[in-house]
Amino acid sequence: MATIRVHTTQNVTLEYQVASIGNRIVATIIDNLIIVAWVIVVGLVVFKLLNLRDEAGAWTMGILCGIPYIFYNLASEILLNGQSIGKKAQNLRVVRLDGTAPRVGDYFLRWLLRIVDMQLSGAVAMVTIAANGKGQRLGDLAAGTSVVNLRAQAAALPDPATLAPPVGYQPVFSQASSLSDHDISLLNQLLDRATRMNNYDLLRETADKIKALLGLHTDLDDAAFLRTILRDHYYLVHEEPALR
């Protein structure tokens, strides 16, 4: 399967596996089923509460069904950090090829050009994705983004031997258990690269992102904090369940 290399602003190269067309089709089907379910539920509720033959009822039905249908993909990618519910189910995410976080404008471009990409039952998007080799449909080409498979990054997890806590270990940050294998893989890569290169800016940037993601505040220095997060995650996800 094709891979792409993303060069971050801190001169770190990360390798991602491009999401397959099959995964993206399944994600789209899941999203469409969610929209259809919403339309059915809203339709039944409006039908029960209002007379659909009445103009007000028709307008209410149109607004409650139409707005989510039109804006679902844009809103979900903005609110869920590059994922819709379908993408989350398939472990897919939108990323920028320059290593920075996608901006609202990027999601807007992807959403706007979705109209063109979905022509001929999505054939335009599938041909574009297959042709460019970076998992990009027209919306991605315009926004400088791609869709990657997060599950494929799990193979790059840290060596468990380096994370095994001592007997009687008590985790410091319980929130570390909410990180995905992909998050831990990237964190391990960035920590390793930053410490080997004495790149304190990268350490600080990585620590700040983890703190923001988990809602944490600590006086630990950046390197110690990140190592603690790795160890806590390993303990909470792998060792603690085995002890129960």
C-alpha atoms as a PDB file:
ATOM      1  CA  MET A   1       0.000   0.000   0.000  1.00  0.00           C
ATOM      2  CA  ALA A   2       1.221   3.498  -0.837  1.00  0.00           C
ATOM      3  CA  THR A   3       2.831   5.664   1.813  1.00  0.00           C
ATOM      4  CA  ILE A   4       3.474   9.388   2.057  1.00  0.00           C
ATOM      5  CA  ARG A   5       6.153  11.249   3.964  1.00  0.00           C
ATOM      6  CA  VAL A   6       5.166  14.363   5.851  1.00  0.00           C
ATOM      7  CA  HIS A   7       7.896  16.852   6.774  1.00  0.00           C
ATOM      8  CA  THR A   8       6.917  18.792   9.886  1.00  0.00           C
ATOM      9  CA  THR A   9       7.875  22.376  10.663  1.00  0.00           C
ATOM     10  CA  GLN A  10      10.493  20.988  13.085  1.00  0.00           C
ATOM     11  CA  ASN A  11      12.287  19.122  10.247  1.00  0.00           C
ATOM     12  CA  VAL A  12      10.931  15.756  11.358  1.00  0.00           C
ATOM     13  CA  THR A  13       9.807  13.302   8.682  1.00  0.00           C
ATOM     14  CA  LEU A  14       6.804  11.128   9.506  1.00  0.00           C
ATOM     15  CA  GLU A  15       5.637   8.294   7.286  1.00  0.00           C
ATOM     16  CA  TYR A  16       1.950   7.517   6.908  1.00  0.00           C
ATOM     17  CA  GLN A  17       0.139   4.796   5.042  1.00  0.00           C
ATOM     18  CA  VAL A  18      -2.330   6.255   2.571  1.00  0.00           C
ATOM     19  CA  ALA A  19      -5.935   5.244   3.183  1.00  0.00           C
ATOM     20  CA  SER A  20      -7.107   2.716   0.623  1.00  0.00           C
ATOM     21  CA  ILE A  21      -9.993   3.493  -1.706  1.00  0.00           C
ATOM     22  CA  GLY A  22     -11.878   0.612  -0.092  1.00  0.00           C
ATOM     23  CA  ASN A  23     -11.496   2.091   3.412  1.00  0.00           C
ATOM     24  CA  ARG A  24     -12.653   5.475   2.175  1.00  0.00           C
ATOM     25  CA  ILE A  25     -15.682   3.966   0.439  1.00  0.00           C
ATOM     26  CA  VAL A  26     -16.674   2.114   3.627  1.00  0.00           C
ATOM     27  CA  ALA A  27     -16.217   5.332   5.652  1.00  0.00           C
ATOM     28  CA  THR A  28     -18.427   7.196   3.168  1.00  0.00           C
ATOM     29  CA  ILE A  29     -21.102   4.491   3.356  1.00  0.00           C
ATOM     30  CA  ILE A  30     -21.108   4.715   7.171  1.00  0.00           C
ATOM     31  CA  ASP A  31     -21.443   8.498   7.008  1.00  0.00           C
ATOM     32  CA  ASN A  32     -24.262   8.242   4.465  1.00  0.00           C
ATOM     33  CA  LEU A  33     -26.096   5.709   6.649  1.00  0.00           C
ATOM     34  CA  ILE A  34     -25.844   8.126   9.582  1.00  0.00           C
ATOM     35  CA  ILE A  35     -27.321  10.913   7.468  1.00  0.00           C
ATOM     36  CA  VAL A  36     -30.119   8.644   6.204  1.00  0.00           C
ATOM     37  CA  ALA A  37     -30.895   7.551   9.776  1.00  0.00           C
ATOM     38  CA  TRP A  38     -31.053  11.199  10.833  1.00  0.00           C
ATOM     39  CA  VAL A  39     -33.458  12.038   7.994  1.00  0.00           C
ATOM     40  CA  ILE A  40     -35.713   9.105   8.883  1.00  0.00           C
ATOM     41  CA  VAL A  41     -35.811   9.942  12.593  1.00  0.00           C
ATOM     42  CA  VAL A  42     -36.403  13.645  11.986  1.00  0.00           C
ATOM     43  CA  GLY A  43     -39.035  12.838   9.363  1.00  0.00           C
ATOM     44  CA  LEU A  44     -40.949  10.641  11.773  1.00  0.00           C
ATOM     45  CA  VAL A  45     -40.762  13.224  14.566  1.00  0.00           C
ATOM     46  CA  VAL A  46     -41.856  16.087  12.324  1.00  0.00           C
ATOM     47  CA  PHE A  47     -44.631  13.936  10.856  1.00  0.00           C
ATOM     48  CA  LYS A  48     -45.917  13.206  14.352  1.00  0.00           C
ATOM     49  CA  LEU A  49     -45.707  16.782  15.591  1.00  0.00           C
ATOM     50  CA  LEU A  50     -46.556  18.780  12.494  1.00  0.00           C
ATOM     51  CA  ASN A  51     -48.793  18.470   9.490  1.00  0.00           C
ATOM     52  CA  LEU A  52     -46.390  17.954   6.550  1.00  0.00           C
ATOM     53  CA  ARG A  53     -49.058  19.254   4.212  1.00  0.00           C
ATOM     54  CA  ASP A  54     -48.686  22.545   6.022  1.00  0.00           C
ATOM     55  CA  GLU A  55     -46.050  24.903   4.601  1.00  0.00           C
ATOM     56  CA  ALA A  56     -44.413  25.381   8.015  1.00  0.00           C
ATOM     57  CA  GLY A  57     -44.075  21.628   8.408  1.00  0.00           C
ATOM     58  CA  ALA A  58     -42.492  21.280   4.987  1.00  0.00           C
ATOM     59  CA  TRP A  59     -39.996  24.058   5.731  1.00  0.00           C
ATOM     60  CA  THR A  60     -39.167  22.551   9.116  1.00  0.00           C
ATOM     61  CA  MET A  61     -38.597  19.156   7.515  1.00  0.00           C
ATOM     62  CA  GLY A  62     -36.400  20.679   4.818  1.00  0.00           C
ATOM     63  CA  ILE A  63     -34.234  22.635   7.259  1.00  0.00           C
ATOM     64  CA  LEU A  64     -33.794  19.861   9.834  1.00  0.00           C
ATOM     65  CA  CYS A  65     -32.889  17.321   7.161  1.00  0.00           C
ATOM     66  CA  GLY A  66     -31.169  19.500   4.593  1.00  0.00           C
ATOM     67  CA  ILE A  67     -28.676  21.370   6.768  1.00  0.00           C
ATOM     68  CA  PRO A  68     -27.122  18.237   8.331  1.00  0.00           C
ATOM     69  CA  TYR A  69     -27.050  16.562   4.893  1.00  0.00           C
ATOM     70  CA  ILE A  70     -25.182  19.491   3.359  1.00  0.00           C
ATOM     71  CA  PHE A  71     -22.814  20.336   6.206  1.00  0.00           C
ATOM     72  CA  TYR A  72     -22.226  16.948   7.868  1.00  0.00           C
ATOM     73  CA  ASN A  73     -18.776  16.298   6.387  1.00  0.00           C
ATOM     74  CA  LEU A  74     -17.516  19.847   6.917  1.00  0.00           C
ATOM     75  CA  ALA A  75     -18.738  20.088  10.506  1.00  0.00           C
ATOM     76  CA  SER A  76     -17.552  16.633  11.544  1.00  0.00           C
ATOM     77  CA  GLU A  77     -14.017  17.097  10.163  1.00  0.00           C
ATOM     78  CA  ILE A  78     -13.699  20.462  11.918  1.00  0.00           C
ATOM     79  CA  LEU A  79     -15.096  19.214  15.231  1.00  0.00           C
ATOM     80  CA  LEU A  80     -13.460  15.757  15.210  1.00  0.00           C
ATOM     81  CA  ASN A  81      -9.948  16.802  14.187  1.00  0.00           C
ATOM     82  CA  GLY A  82     -10.031  15.619  10.576  1.00  0.00           C
ATOM     83  CA  GLN A  83     -12.397  12.708  11.056  1.00  0.00           C
ATOM     84  CA  SER A  84     -16.040  12.028  10.368  1.00  0.00           C
ATOM     85  CA  ILE A  85     -17.768   9.221  12.226  1.00  0.00           C
ATOM     86  CA  GLY A  86     -17.170   6.984   9.227  1.00  0.00           C
ATOM     87  CA  LYS A  87     -13.472   7.895   9.097  1.00  0.00           C
ATOM     88  CA  LYS A  88     -13.147   7.290  12.833  1.00  0.00           C
ATOM     89  CA  ALA A  89     -14.721   3.843  12.424  1.00  0.00           C
ATOM     90  CA  GLN A  90     -12.168   3.050   9.712  1.00  0.00           C
ATOM     91  CA  ASN A  91      -9.256   4.691  11.587  1.00  0.00           C
ATOM     92  CA  LEU A  92      -8.783   7.337   8.907  1.00  0.00           C
ATOM     93  CA  ARG A  93      -7.852  10.983   9.323  1.00  0.00           C
ATOM     94  CA  VAL A  94      -7.238  14.044   7.166  1.00  0.00           C
ATOM     95  CA  VAL A  95      -3.665  15.367   7.439  1.00  0.00           C
ATOM     96  CA  ARG A  96      -1.751  18.155   5.723  1.00  0.00           C
ATOM     97  CA  LEU A  97       1.239  17.203   3.620  1.00  0.00           C
ATOM     98  CA  ASP A  98       3.361  20.010   5.082  1.00  0.00           C
ATOM     99  CA  GLY A  99       3.114  18.558   8.594  1.00  0.00           C
ATOM    100  CA  THR A 100       0.955  21.332  10.043  1.00  0.00           C
ATOM    101  CA  ALA A 101      -2.520  20.747  11.431  1.00  0.00           C
ATOM    102  CA  PRO A 102      -5.338  21.150   8.884  1.00  0.00           C
ATOM    103  CA  ARG A 103      -7.072  24.503   9.139  1.00  0.00           C
ATOM    104  CA  VAL A 104     -10.769  25.304   8.796  1.00  0.00           C
ATOM    105  CA  GLY A 105     -10.049  26.639   5.313  1.00  0.00           C
ATOM    106  CA  ASP A 106      -8.550  23.274   4.311  1.00  0.00           C
ATOM    107  CA  TYR A 107     -11.633  21.411   5.472  1.00  0.00           C
ATOM    108  CA  PHE A 108     -13.786  23.965   3.656  1.00  0.00           C
ATOM    109  CA  LEU A 109     -11.923  23.388   0.360  1.00  0.00           C
ATOM    110  CA  ARG A 110     -12.290  19.620   0.719  1.00  0.00           C
ATOM    111  CA  TRP A 111     -16.003  20.043   1.422  1.00  0.00           C
ATOM    112  CA  LEU A 112     -16.563  22.518  -1.414  1.00  0.00           C
ATOM    113  CA  LEU A 113     -14.907  20.323  -4.041  1.00  0.00           C
ATOM    114  CA  ARG A 114     -16.709  17.251  -2.735  1.00  0.00           C
ATOM    115  CA  ILE A 115     -19.502  18.287  -5.095  1.00  0.00           C
ATOM    116  CA  VAL A 116     -17.179  17.615  -8.041  1.00  0.00           C
ATOM    117  CA  ASP A 117     -15.443  14.591  -6.493  1.00  0.00           C
ATOM    118  CA  MET A 118     -18.734  12.777  -5.925  1.00  0.00           C
ATOM    119  CA  GLN A 119     -19.832  13.105  -9.561  1.00  0.00           C
ATOM    120  CA  LEU A 120     -20.636   9.803 -11.317  1.00  0.00           C
ATOM    121  CA  SER A 121     -21.200   8.086  -7.959  1.00  0.00           C
ATOM    122  CA  GLY A 122     -17.750   9.049  -6.720  1.00  0.00           C
ATOM    123  CA  ALA A 123     -15.895   7.887  -9.835  1.00  0.00           C
ATOM    124  CA  VAL A 124     -14.147  11.253 -10.170  1.00  0.00           C
ATOM    125  CA  ALA A 125     -12.716  10.932  -6.652  1.00  0.00           C
ATOM    126  CA  MET A 126     -11.666   7.306  -7.136  1.00  0.00           C
ATOM    127  CA  VAL A 127      -9.881   8.007 -10.411  1.00  0.00           C
ATOM    128  CA  THR A 128      -8.083  11.028  -8.922  1.00  0.00           C
ATOM    129  CA  ILE A 129      -7.019   9.086  -5.818  1.00  0.00           C
ATOM    130  CA  ALA A 130      -5.753   6.163  -7.883  1.00  0.00           C
ATOM    131  CA  ALA A 131      -3.887   8.429 -10.310  1.00  0.00           C
ATOM    132  CA  ASN A 132      -1.879  10.682  -7.971  1.00  0.00           C
ATOM    133  CA  GLY A 133      -0.531   8.036  -5.573  1.00  0.00           C
ATOM    134  CA  LYS A 134      -0.930  10.206  -2.456  1.00  0.00           C
ATOM    135  CA  GLY A 135      -4.518   9.387  -1.596  1.00  0.00           C
ATOM    136  CA  GLN A 136      -5.754  12.768  -2.774  1.00  0.00           C
ATOM    137  CA  ARG A 137      -9.053  13.533  -4.412  1.00  0.00           C
ATOM    138  CA  LEU A 138      -9.583  16.955  -6.013  1.00  0.00           C
ATOM    139  CA  GLY A 139     -10.497  18.506  -2.653  1.00  0.00           C
ATOM    140  CA  ASP A 140      -7.267  17.198  -1.121  1.00  0.00           C
ATOM    141  CA  LEU A 141      -5.183  18.479  -4.026  1.00  0.00           C
ATOM    142  CA  ALA A 142      -6.639  21.950  -3.541  1.00  0.00           C
ATOM    143  CA  ALA A 143      -6.209  21.900   0.254  1.00  0.00           C
ATOM    144  CA  GLY A 144      -2.777  20.217   0.346  1.00  0.00           C
ATOM    145  CA  THR A 145      -4.176  17.349   2.387  1.00  0.00           C
ATOM    146  CA  SER A 146      -4.497  13.588   2.208  1.00  0.00           C
ATOM    147  CA  VAL A 147      -6.373  10.889   4.109  1.00  0.00           C
ATOM    148  CA  VAL A 148      -4.198   8.398   5.989  1.00  0.00           C
ATOM    149  CA  ASN A 149      -4.744   5.102   7.748  1.00  0.00           C
ATOM    150  CA  LEU A 150      -4.021   5.491  11.464  1.00  0.00           C
ATOM    151  CA  ARG A 151      -4.218   1.769  12.185  1.00  0.00           C
ATOM    152  CA  ALA A 152      -1.153   1.167  10.014  1.00  0.00           C
ATOM    153  CA  GLN A 153       0.969   3.283  12.350  1.00  0.00           C
ATOM    154  CA  ALA A 154       0.497   0.888  15.260  1.00  0.00           C
ATOM    155  CA  ALA A 155       3.452  -1.211  14.078  1.00  0.00           C
ATOM    156  CA  ALA A 156       5.797   1.618  15.067  1.00  0.00           C
ATOM    157  CA  LEU A 157       4.897   1.482  18.757  1.00  0.00           C
ATOM    158  CA  PRO A 158       7.727   1.824  21.300  1.00  0.00           C
ATOM    159  CA  ASP A 159       9.545  -1.280  22.485  1.00  0.00           C
ATOM    160  CA  PRO A 160       7.564  -2.490  25.556  1.00  0.00           C
ATOM    161  CA  ALA A 161      10.845  -3.294  27.325  1.00  0.00           C
ATOM    162  CA  THR A 162      11.657   0.408  27.452  1.00  0.00           C
ATOM    163  CA  LEU A 163       8.281   1.250  29.006  1.00  0.00           C
ATOM    164  CA  ALA A 164       7.831  -1.521  31.554  1.00  0.00           C
ATOM    165  CA  PRO A 165       7.219   0.275  34.875  1.00  0.00           C
ATOM    166  CA  PRO A 166       8.677  -0.969  38.158  1.00  0.00           C
ATOM    167  CA  VAL A 167       6.688  -3.142  40.548  1.00  0.00           C
ATOM    168  CA  GLY A 168       4.091  -1.084  42.394  1.00  0.00           C
ATOM    169  CA  TYR A 169       4.110   1.651  39.765  1.00  0.00           C
ATOM    170  CA  GLN A 170       1.369   4.247  40.106  1.00  0.00           C
ATOM    171  CA  PRO A 171       0.445   6.111  36.909  1.00  0.00           C
ATOM    172  CA  VAL A 172       0.733   9.875  37.081  1.00  0.00           C
ATOM    173  CA  PHE A 173      -1.613  10.863  34.264  1.00  0.00           C
ATOM    174  CA  SER A 174      -4.662   8.601  33.931  1.00  0.00           C
ATOM    175  CA  GLN A 175      -5.667  10.553  30.811  1.00  0.00           C
ATOM    176  CA  ALA A 176      -2.812   8.838  28.950  1.00  0.00           C
ATOM    177  CA  SER A 177      -5.048   5.799  28.455  1.00  0.00           C
ATOM    178  CA  SER A 178      -7.226   7.782  26.037  1.00  0.00           C
ATOM    179  CA  LEU A 179      -4.386   8.150  23.523  1.00  0.00           C
ATOM    180  CA  SER A 180      -4.570   5.895  20.470  1.00  0.00           C
ATOM    181  CA  ASP A 181      -1.786   3.616  19.272  1.00  0.00           C
ATOM    182  CA  HIS A 182      -1.227   6.109  16.468  1.00  0.00           C
ATOM    183  CA  ASP A 183      -0.806   8.962  18.966  1.00  0.00           C
ATOM    184  CA  ILE A 184       1.677   6.913  20.991  1.00  0.00           C
ATOM    185  CA  SER A 185       3.601   5.926  17.870  1.00  0.00           C
ATOM    186  CA  LEU A 186       3.993   9.551  16.783  1.00  0.00           C
ATOM    187  CA  LEU A 187       4.827  10.667  20.304  1.00  0.00           C
ATOM    188  CA  ASN A 188       7.560   8.047  20.544  1.00  0.00           C
ATOM    189  CA  GLN A 189       9.003   9.064  17.164  1.00  0.00           C
ATOM    190  CA  LEU A 190       9.023  12.750  18.036  1.00  0.00           C
ATOM    191  CA  LEU A 191      10.498  12.211  21.505  1.00  0.00           C
ATOM    192  CA  ASP A 192      13.260  10.005  20.110  1.00  0.00           C
ATOM    193  CA  ARG A 193      14.095  12.458  17.333  1.00  0.00           C
ATOM    194  CA  ALA A 194      14.019  15.500  19.604  1.00  0.00           C
ATOM    195  CA  THR A 195      16.269  13.988  22.278  1.00  0.00           C
ATOM    196  CA  ARG A 196      18.813  12.687  19.753  1.00  0.00           C
ATOM    197  CA  MET A 197      19.008  16.078  18.031  1.00  0.00           C
ATOM    198  CA  ASN A 198      18.684  18.170  21.213  1.00  0.00           C
ATOM    199  CA  ASN A 199      15.727  19.827  19.540  1.00  0.00           C
ATOM    200  CA  TYR A 200      14.113  21.559  22.498  1.00  0.00           C
ATOM    201  CA  ASP A 201      11.617  23.394  20.310  1.00  0.00           C
ATOM    202  CA  LEU A 202      10.261  20.078  19.071  1.00  0.00           C
ATOM    203  CA  LEU A 203      10.103  18.752  22.641  1.00  0.00           C
ATOM    204  CA  ARG A 204       8.175  21.800  23.799  1.00  0.00           C
ATOM    205  CA  GLU A 205       5.810  21.714  20.814  1.00  0.00           C
ATOM    206  CA  THR A 206       5.101  18.004  21.287  1.00  0.00           C
ATOM    207  CA  ALA A 207       4.570  18.369  25.042  1.00  0.00           C
ATOM    208  CA  ASP A 208       2.263  21.350  24.536  1.00  0.00           C
ATOM    209  CA  LYS A 209       0.128  19.422  22.054  1.00  0.00           C
ATOM    210  CA  ILE A 210      -0.193  16.437  24.378  1.00  0.00           C
ATOM    211  CA  LYS A 211      -1.098  18.713  27.298  1.00  0.00           C
ATOM    212  CA  ALA A 212      -3.720  20.479  25.197  1.00  0.00           C
ATOM    213  CA  LEU A 213      -5.102  17.185  23.894  1.00  0.00           C
ATOM    214  CA  LEU A 214      -5.439  15.671  27.368  1.00  0.00           C
ATOM    215  CA  GLY A 215      -6.182  18.874  29.282  1.00  0.00           C
ATOM    216  CA  LEU A 216      -3.109  18.541  31.509  1.00  0.00           C
ATOM    217  CA  HIS A 217      -0.951  20.953  33.518  1.00  0.00           C
ATOM    218  CA  THR A 218       2.347  19.857  35.042  1.00  0.00           C
ATOM    219  CA  ASP A 219       5.661  21.216  36.305  1.00  0.00           C
ATOM    220  CA  LEU A 220       7.607  18.321  34.779  1.00  0.00           C
ATOM    221  CA  ASP A 221      10.092  19.282  32.095  1.00  0.00           C
ATOM    222  CA  ASP A 222       9.018  18.431  28.545  1.00  0.00           C
ATOM    223  CA  ALA A 223      11.116  15.277  28.080  1.00  0.00           C
ATOM    224  CA  ALA A 224      10.188  13.841  31.487  1.00  0.00           C
ATOM    225  CA  PHE A 225       6.524  14.622  30.889  1.00  0.00           C
ATOM    226  CA  LEU A 226       6.479  12.838  27.517  1.00  0.00           C
ATOM    227  CA  ARG A 227       8.284   9.769  28.889  1.00  0.00           C
ATOM    228  CA  THR A 228       5.782   9.660  31.755  1.00  0.00           C
ATOM    229  CA  ILE A 229       2.885   9.778  29.296  1.00  0.00           C
ATOM    230  CA  LEU A 230       4.379   6.847  27.352  1.00  0.00           C
ATOM    231  CA  ARG A 231       4.894   4.818  30.516  1.00  0.00           C
ATOM    232  CA  ASP A 232       1.463   5.655  31.929  1.00  0.00           C
ATOM    233  CA  HIS A 233      -0.209   4.682  28.654  1.00  0.00           C
ATOM    234  CA  TYR A 234       1.631   1.360  28.578  1.00  0.00           C
ATOM    235  CA  TYR A 235       0.711   0.616  32.189  1.00  0.00           C
ATOM    236  CA  LEU A 236      -2.951   1.661  31.913  1.00  0.00           C
ATOM    237  CA  VAL A 237      -3.615  -0.036  28.583  1.00  0.00           C
ATOM    238  CA  HIS A 238      -1.470  -3.160  28.799  1.00  0.00           C
ATOM    239  CA  GLU A 239      -0.482  -3.964  32.392  1.00  0.00           C
ATOM    240  CA  GLU A 240      -3.314  -2.754  34.597  1.00  0.00           C
ATOM    241  CA  PRO A 241      -6.044  -4.788  32.761  1.00  0.00           C
ATOM    242  CA  ALA A 242      -3.916  -7.919  33.247  1.00  0.00           C
ATOM    243  CA  LEU A 243      -3.721  -7.279  36.982  1.00  0.00           C
ATOM    244  CA  ARG A 244      -7.472  -7.074  37.450  1.00  0.00           C
END
